[in-house]
Amino acid sequence: MQNIYFTSDHHFGHKNIIKFSERPFANVDEMDQEMINRWNEKVQENDKVYHLGDVGLCPPSRLSEILNQLNGHIYLIKGNHEKSALACRDRFEWVKDYYELRIDDPEFHKGSQLLVLFHYGMRVWNSSHWGTYHLYGHSHGSLPDVPTSHSFDIGVDCHDFYPLSYDEVKAIMKTKNWSPPFS
């Protein structure tokens, strides 16, 4: 069975992100290796991973080495630091600025759930008033969570450096106090 995962803002190879985001790593090599390990701990070879941007800030040759160690089919929603990732475009199934993903899920109206995937957090998004989920990155946990909104920061700094499965995303959304405005 193929699983679906979401993540963002690894900043592989980026030494300054350790200080900027107060990451618990002694150096960039330790950070990169631990994030590779945590990715592969959850993601299997044939799983899908939607990466919501800022994959790495290192030379493309180094990022290519890292990407080739990661399990799964990776789909990239571009962040603001993608120069190296775009040089490794062949490692991604596709690269887009924004994406709306529909997942078959019998728990939802019409048997599916729509997710809006974008590097940046939005206050409203397509069909947000109908319960569509919005996942974003970029902010490294600095945006306060809105308990009445079906959105949250999927970045690694917010989730112990692990990607989250669709089921984990859904479980987090179920803790929200969202209610449809037209009920």
C-alpha atoms as a PDB file:
ATOM      1  CA  MET A   1       0.000   0.000   0.000  1.00  0.00           C
ATOM      2  CA  GLN A   2       1.162   3.488  -0.842  1.00  0.00           C
ATOM      3  CA  ASN A   3       1.050   6.108   1.899  1.00  0.00           C
ATOM      4  CA  ILE A   4       0.994   9.876   1.502  1.00  0.00           C
ATOM      5  CA  TYR A   5       3.254  12.165   3.550  1.00  0.00           C
ATOM      6  CA  PHE A   6       3.740  15.918   3.904  1.00  0.00           C
ATOM      7  CA  THR A   7       6.722  17.950   5.054  1.00  0.00           C
ATOM      8  CA  SER A   8       8.561  21.216   4.530  1.00  0.00           C
ATOM      9  CA  ASP A   9      11.617  23.337   5.291  1.00  0.00           C
ATOM     10  CA  HIS A  10      14.387  20.796   5.737  1.00  0.00           C
ATOM     11  CA  HIS A  11      17.025  23.321   4.686  1.00  0.00           C
ATOM     12  CA  PHE A  12      19.463  20.465   4.062  1.00  0.00           C
ATOM     13  CA  GLY A  13      23.045  21.765   4.103  1.00  0.00           C
ATOM     14  CA  HIS A  14      22.079  25.101   5.663  1.00  0.00           C
ATOM     15  CA  LYS A  15      24.370  25.763   8.617  1.00  0.00           C
ATOM     16  CA  ASN A  16      22.643  28.970   9.755  1.00  0.00           C
ATOM     17  CA  ILE A  17      19.214  27.318  10.088  1.00  0.00           C
ATOM     18  CA  ILE A  18      20.525  25.479  13.167  1.00  0.00           C
ATOM     19  CA  LYS A  19      20.871  28.797  14.980  1.00  0.00           C
ATOM     20  CA  PHE A  20      17.939  30.557  13.291  1.00  0.00           C
ATOM     21  CA  SER A  21      15.423  27.840  14.185  1.00  0.00           C
ATOM     22  CA  GLU A  22      17.214  26.647  17.331  1.00  0.00           C
ATOM     23  CA  ARG A  23      17.594  23.148  15.930  1.00  0.00           C
ATOM     24  CA  PRO A  24      19.132  20.646  18.372  1.00  0.00           C
ATOM     25  CA  PHE A  25      22.074  19.643  16.190  1.00  0.00           C
ATOM     26  CA  ALA A  26      25.807  20.218  16.720  1.00  0.00           C
ATOM     27  CA  ASN A  27      26.485  20.806  13.025  1.00  0.00           C
ATOM     28  CA  VAL A  28      24.990  20.602   9.559  1.00  0.00           C
ATOM     29  CA  ASP A  29      26.209  17.060   8.881  1.00  0.00           C
ATOM     30  CA  GLU A  30      24.499  15.770  12.024  1.00  0.00           C
ATOM     31  CA  MET A  31      21.319  17.681  11.121  1.00  0.00           C
ATOM     32  CA  ASP A  32      21.234  16.370   7.566  1.00  0.00           C
ATOM     33  CA  GLN A  33      21.847  12.759   8.596  1.00  0.00           C
ATOM     34  CA  GLU A  34      19.240  12.824  11.358  1.00  0.00           C
ATOM     35  CA  MET A  35      16.611  14.297   9.034  1.00  0.00           C
ATOM     36  CA  ILE A  36      17.417  11.651   6.398  1.00  0.00           C
ATOM     37  CA  ASN A  37      17.064   8.959   9.079  1.00  0.00           C
ATOM     38  CA  ARG A  38      13.750  10.303  10.367  1.00  0.00           C
ATOM     39  CA  TRP A  39      12.369  10.642   6.818  1.00  0.00           C
ATOM     40  CA  ASN A  40      13.287   7.059   5.966  1.00  0.00           C
ATOM     41  CA  GLU A  41      12.023   5.785   9.310  1.00  0.00           C
ATOM     42  CA  LYS A  42       8.483   6.669   8.181  1.00  0.00           C
ATOM     43  CA  VAL A  43       8.535   6.852   4.387  1.00  0.00           C
ATOM     44  CA  GLN A  44       8.825   3.652   2.352  1.00  0.00           C
ATOM     45  CA  GLU A  45      10.205   3.364  -1.168  1.00  0.00           C
ATOM     46  CA  ASN A  46       6.867   3.636  -3.007  1.00  0.00           C
ATOM     47  CA  ASP A  47       5.175   6.220  -0.773  1.00  0.00           C
ATOM     48  CA  LYS A  48       4.328   9.722  -1.967  1.00  0.00           C
ATOM     49  CA  VAL A  49       5.847  12.739  -0.217  1.00  0.00           C
ATOM     50  CA  TYR A  50       4.621  16.280  -0.847  1.00  0.00           C
ATOM     51  CA  HIS A  51       7.451  18.620   0.140  1.00  0.00           C
ATOM     52  CA  LEU A  52       6.204  22.176   0.633  1.00  0.00           C
ATOM     53  CA  GLY A  53       9.452  23.928  -0.107  1.00  0.00           C
ATOM     54  CA  ASP A  54      12.912  24.911   1.057  1.00  0.00           C
ATOM     55  CA  VAL A  55      14.442  21.482   0.550  1.00  0.00           C
ATOM     56  CA  GLY A  56      18.056  22.560   0.817  1.00  0.00           C
ATOM     57  CA  LEU A  57      20.542  25.404   0.809  1.00  0.00           C
ATOM     58  CA  CYS A  58      23.714  23.678  -0.329  1.00  0.00           C
ATOM     59  CA  PRO A  59      25.430  23.035  -3.644  1.00  0.00           C
ATOM     60  CA  PRO A  60      23.250  21.001  -6.044  1.00  0.00           C
ATOM     61  CA  SER A  61      25.751  18.133  -5.991  1.00  0.00           C
ATOM     62  CA  ARG A  62      25.378  17.801  -2.197  1.00  0.00           C
ATOM     63  CA  LEU A  63      21.588  18.137  -2.340  1.00  0.00           C
ATOM     64  CA  SER A  64      21.460  15.466  -5.041  1.00  0.00           C
ATOM     65  CA  GLU A  65      23.379  13.092  -2.733  1.00  0.00           C
ATOM     66  CA  ILE A  66      20.869  13.771   0.041  1.00  0.00           C
ATOM     67  CA  LEU A  67      17.788  13.440  -2.181  1.00  0.00           C
ATOM     68  CA  ASN A  68      19.036  10.108  -3.493  1.00  0.00           C
ATOM     69  CA  GLN A  69      19.069   8.776   0.095  1.00  0.00           C
ATOM     70  CA  LEU A  70      15.416   9.673   0.716  1.00  0.00           C
ATOM     71  CA  ASN A  71      12.668   7.096   0.251  1.00  0.00           C
ATOM     72  CA  GLY A  72       9.545   7.817  -1.731  1.00  0.00           C
ATOM     73  CA  HIS A  73       8.287   9.663  -4.763  1.00  0.00           C
ATOM     74  CA  ILE A  74       8.804  13.349  -3.946  1.00  0.00           C
ATOM     75  CA  TYR A  75       6.535  16.113  -5.252  1.00  0.00           C
ATOM     76  CA  LEU A  76       7.903  19.629  -4.710  1.00  0.00           C
ATOM     77  CA  ILE A  77       5.829  22.715  -4.053  1.00  0.00           C
ATOM     78  CA  LYS A  78       8.405  25.468  -4.440  1.00  0.00           C
ATOM     79  CA  GLY A  79       9.544  27.524  -1.492  1.00  0.00           C
ATOM     80  CA  ASN A  80      11.667  30.656  -1.545  1.00  0.00           C
ATOM     81  CA  HIS A  81      14.988  28.749  -1.412  1.00  0.00           C
ATOM     82  CA  GLU A  82      14.913  26.278  -4.305  1.00  0.00           C
ATOM     83  CA  LYS A  83      17.932  27.118  -6.471  1.00  0.00           C
ATOM     84  CA  SER A  84      19.658  23.824  -5.638  1.00  0.00           C
ATOM     85  CA  ALA A  85      16.430  21.794  -5.704  1.00  0.00           C
ATOM     86  CA  LEU A  86      15.611  23.072  -9.175  1.00  0.00           C
ATOM     87  CA  ALA A  87      19.058  21.934 -10.311  1.00  0.00           C
ATOM     88  CA  CYS A  88      17.991  18.454  -9.082  1.00  0.00           C
ATOM     89  CA  ARG A  89      14.600  18.620 -10.792  1.00  0.00           C
ATOM     90  CA  ASP A  90      14.853  15.043 -12.068  1.00  0.00           C
ATOM     91  CA  ARG A  91      14.593  13.710  -8.475  1.00  0.00           C
ATOM     92  CA  PHE A  92      11.077  15.156  -8.144  1.00  0.00           C
ATOM     93  CA  GLU A  93       7.950  13.732  -9.736  1.00  0.00           C
ATOM     94  CA  TRP A  94       6.992  17.319 -10.502  1.00  0.00           C
ATOM     95  CA  VAL A  95       7.686  20.867  -9.266  1.00  0.00           C
ATOM     96  CA  LYS A  96       4.830  23.375  -8.822  1.00  0.00           C
ATOM     97  CA  ASP A  97       4.185  26.687  -7.103  1.00  0.00           C
ATOM     98  CA  TYR A  98       0.886  25.555  -5.560  1.00  0.00           C
ATOM     99  CA  TYR A  99      -1.128  22.358  -5.578  1.00  0.00           C
ATOM    100  CA  GLU A 100      -4.611  21.161  -4.692  1.00  0.00           C
ATOM    101  CA  LEU A 101      -4.561  17.475  -3.763  1.00  0.00           C
ATOM    102  CA  ARG A 102      -7.718  15.417  -3.478  1.00  0.00           C
ATOM    103  CA  ILE A 103      -7.425  12.275  -1.342  1.00  0.00           C
ATOM    104  CA  ASP A 104     -10.045   9.538  -1.369  1.00  0.00           C
ATOM    105  CA  ASP A 105     -11.393   9.326   2.170  1.00  0.00           C
ATOM    106  CA  PRO A 106     -14.848   7.932   2.956  1.00  0.00           C
ATOM    107  CA  GLU A 107     -15.025   9.978   6.182  1.00  0.00           C
ATOM    108  CA  PHE A 108     -15.617  13.131   4.136  1.00  0.00           C
ATOM    109  CA  HIS A 109     -18.497  14.485   2.096  1.00  0.00           C
ATOM    110  CA  LYS A 110     -18.432  12.956  -1.386  1.00  0.00           C
ATOM    111  CA  GLY A 111     -15.773  10.463  -0.263  1.00  0.00           C
ATOM    112  CA  SER A 112     -12.725  12.675  -0.533  1.00  0.00           C
ATOM    113  CA  GLN A 113     -10.812  15.459   1.185  1.00  0.00           C
ATOM    114  CA  LEU A 114      -9.190  18.411  -0.569  1.00  0.00           C
ATOM    115  CA  LEU A 115      -5.827  19.722   0.655  1.00  0.00           C
ATOM    116  CA  VAL A 116      -4.338  23.037  -0.463  1.00  0.00           C
ATOM    117  CA  LEU A 117      -0.546  22.794  -0.438  1.00  0.00           C
ATOM    118  CA  PHE A 118       1.496  25.999  -0.541  1.00  0.00           C
ATOM    119  CA  HIS A 119       4.822  27.089   0.915  1.00  0.00           C
ATOM    120  CA  TYR A 120       3.226  30.096   2.607  1.00  0.00           C
ATOM    121  CA  GLY A 121       0.454  30.185   5.203  1.00  0.00           C
ATOM    122  CA  MET A 122      -2.826  31.725   4.049  1.00  0.00           C
ATOM    123  CA  ARG A 123      -5.765  33.011   6.063  1.00  0.00           C
ATOM    124  CA  VAL A 124      -8.251  31.776   3.458  1.00  0.00           C
ATOM    125  CA  TRP A 125      -7.851  29.319   0.569  1.00  0.00           C
ATOM    126  CA  ASN A 126      -9.978  27.528  -1.983  1.00  0.00           C
ATOM    127  CA  SER A 127     -12.997  25.991  -0.244  1.00  0.00           C
ATOM    128  CA  SER A 128     -11.677  26.791   3.242  1.00  0.00           C
ATOM    129  CA  HIS A 129     -15.278  27.515   4.217  1.00  0.00           C
ATOM    130  CA  TRP A 130     -16.147  23.900   3.292  1.00  0.00           C
ATOM    131  CA  GLY A 131     -13.432  22.310   5.444  1.00  0.00           C
ATOM    132  CA  THR A 132     -10.597  22.011   2.960  1.00  0.00           C
ATOM    133  CA  TYR A 133      -7.241  21.512   4.686  1.00  0.00           C
ATOM    134  CA  HIS A 134      -4.325  23.895   4.117  1.00  0.00           C
ATOM    135  CA  LEU A 135      -0.749  22.823   4.822  1.00  0.00           C
ATOM    136  CA  TYR A 136       2.119  25.285   4.632  1.00  0.00           C
ATOM    137  CA  GLY A 137       5.729  25.780   5.648  1.00  0.00           C
ATOM    138  CA  HIS A 138       8.068  28.773   5.518  1.00  0.00           C
ATOM    139  CA  SER A 139       7.466  30.058   9.037  1.00  0.00           C
ATOM    140  CA  HIS A 140       9.438  27.403  10.986  1.00  0.00           C
ATOM    141  CA  GLY A 141       6.767  27.379  13.692  1.00  0.00           C
ATOM    142  CA  SER A 142       6.766  31.137  14.207  1.00  0.00           C
ATOM    143  CA  LEU A 143       3.133  31.659  13.136  1.00  0.00           C
ATOM    144  CA  PRO A 144       0.693  31.080  15.983  1.00  0.00           C
ATOM    145  CA  ASP A 145      -1.663  28.181  15.317  1.00  0.00           C
ATOM    146  CA  VAL A 146      -5.293  29.138  14.759  1.00  0.00           C
ATOM    147  CA  PRO A 147      -7.419  26.542  16.576  1.00  0.00           C
ATOM    148  CA  THR A 148     -10.501  27.378  14.487  1.00  0.00           C
ATOM    149  CA  SER A 149      -8.711  26.964  11.145  1.00  0.00           C
ATOM    150  CA  HIS A 150      -8.121  23.771   9.173  1.00  0.00           C
ATOM    151  CA  SER A 151      -4.492  24.731   8.552  1.00  0.00           C
ATOM    152  CA  PHE A 152      -1.102  24.290  10.154  1.00  0.00           C
ATOM    153  CA  ASP A 153       2.640  24.478   9.584  1.00  0.00           C
ATOM    154  CA  ILE A 154       3.843  21.123   8.233  1.00  0.00           C
ATOM    155  CA  GLY A 155       7.516  22.138   8.508  1.00  0.00           C
ATOM    156  CA  VAL A 156      10.047  19.846  10.163  1.00  0.00           C
ATOM    157  CA  ASP A 157      10.690  22.332  12.973  1.00  0.00           C
ATOM    158  CA  CYS A 158       7.115  21.764  14.158  1.00  0.00           C
ATOM    159  CA  HIS A 159       7.082  17.956  13.971  1.00  0.00           C
ATOM    160  CA  ASP A 160      10.338  16.728  15.498  1.00  0.00           C
ATOM    161  CA  PHE A 161      11.952  16.656  12.035  1.00  0.00           C
ATOM    162  CA  TYR A 162       9.599  13.967  10.705  1.00  0.00           C
ATOM    163  CA  PRO A 163       7.216  14.074   7.748  1.00  0.00           C
ATOM    164  CA  LEU A 164       3.557  13.535   8.690  1.00  0.00           C
ATOM    165  CA  SER A 165       1.264  11.002   7.076  1.00  0.00           C
ATOM    166  CA  TYR A 166      -2.174  11.929   5.799  1.00  0.00           C
ATOM    167  CA  ASP A 167      -3.676  10.113   8.807  1.00  0.00           C
ATOM    168  CA  GLU A 168      -1.515  12.198  11.177  1.00  0.00           C
ATOM    169  CA  VAL A 169      -2.588  15.386   9.399  1.00  0.00           C
ATOM    170  CA  LYS A 170      -6.237  14.355   9.675  1.00  0.00           C
ATOM    171  CA  ALA A 171      -5.820  13.598  13.397  1.00  0.00           C
ATOM    172  CA  ILE A 172      -4.392  17.093  13.990  1.00  0.00           C
ATOM    173  CA  MET A 173      -7.226  18.690  12.019  1.00  0.00           C
ATOM    174  CA  LYS A 174      -9.767  16.802  14.147  1.00  0.00           C
ATOM    175  CA  THR A 175      -8.411  18.629  17.218  1.00  0.00           C
ATOM    176  CA  LYS A 176      -9.349  21.969  15.666  1.00  0.00           C
ATOM    177  CA  ASN A 177     -12.528  23.811  16.648  1.00  0.00           C
ATOM    178  CA  TRP A 178     -13.466  24.510  13.028  1.00  0.00           C
ATOM    179  CA  SER A 179     -17.116  24.653  12.123  1.00  0.00           C
ATOM    180  CA  PRO A 180     -18.656  25.355   8.727  1.00  0.00           C
ATOM    181  CA  PRO A 181     -19.958  28.905   8.397  1.00  0.00           C
ATOM    182  CA  PHE A 182     -23.048  27.697   6.521  1.00  0.00           C
ATOM    183  CA  SER A 183     -24.325  25.083   8.980  1.00  0.00           C
END
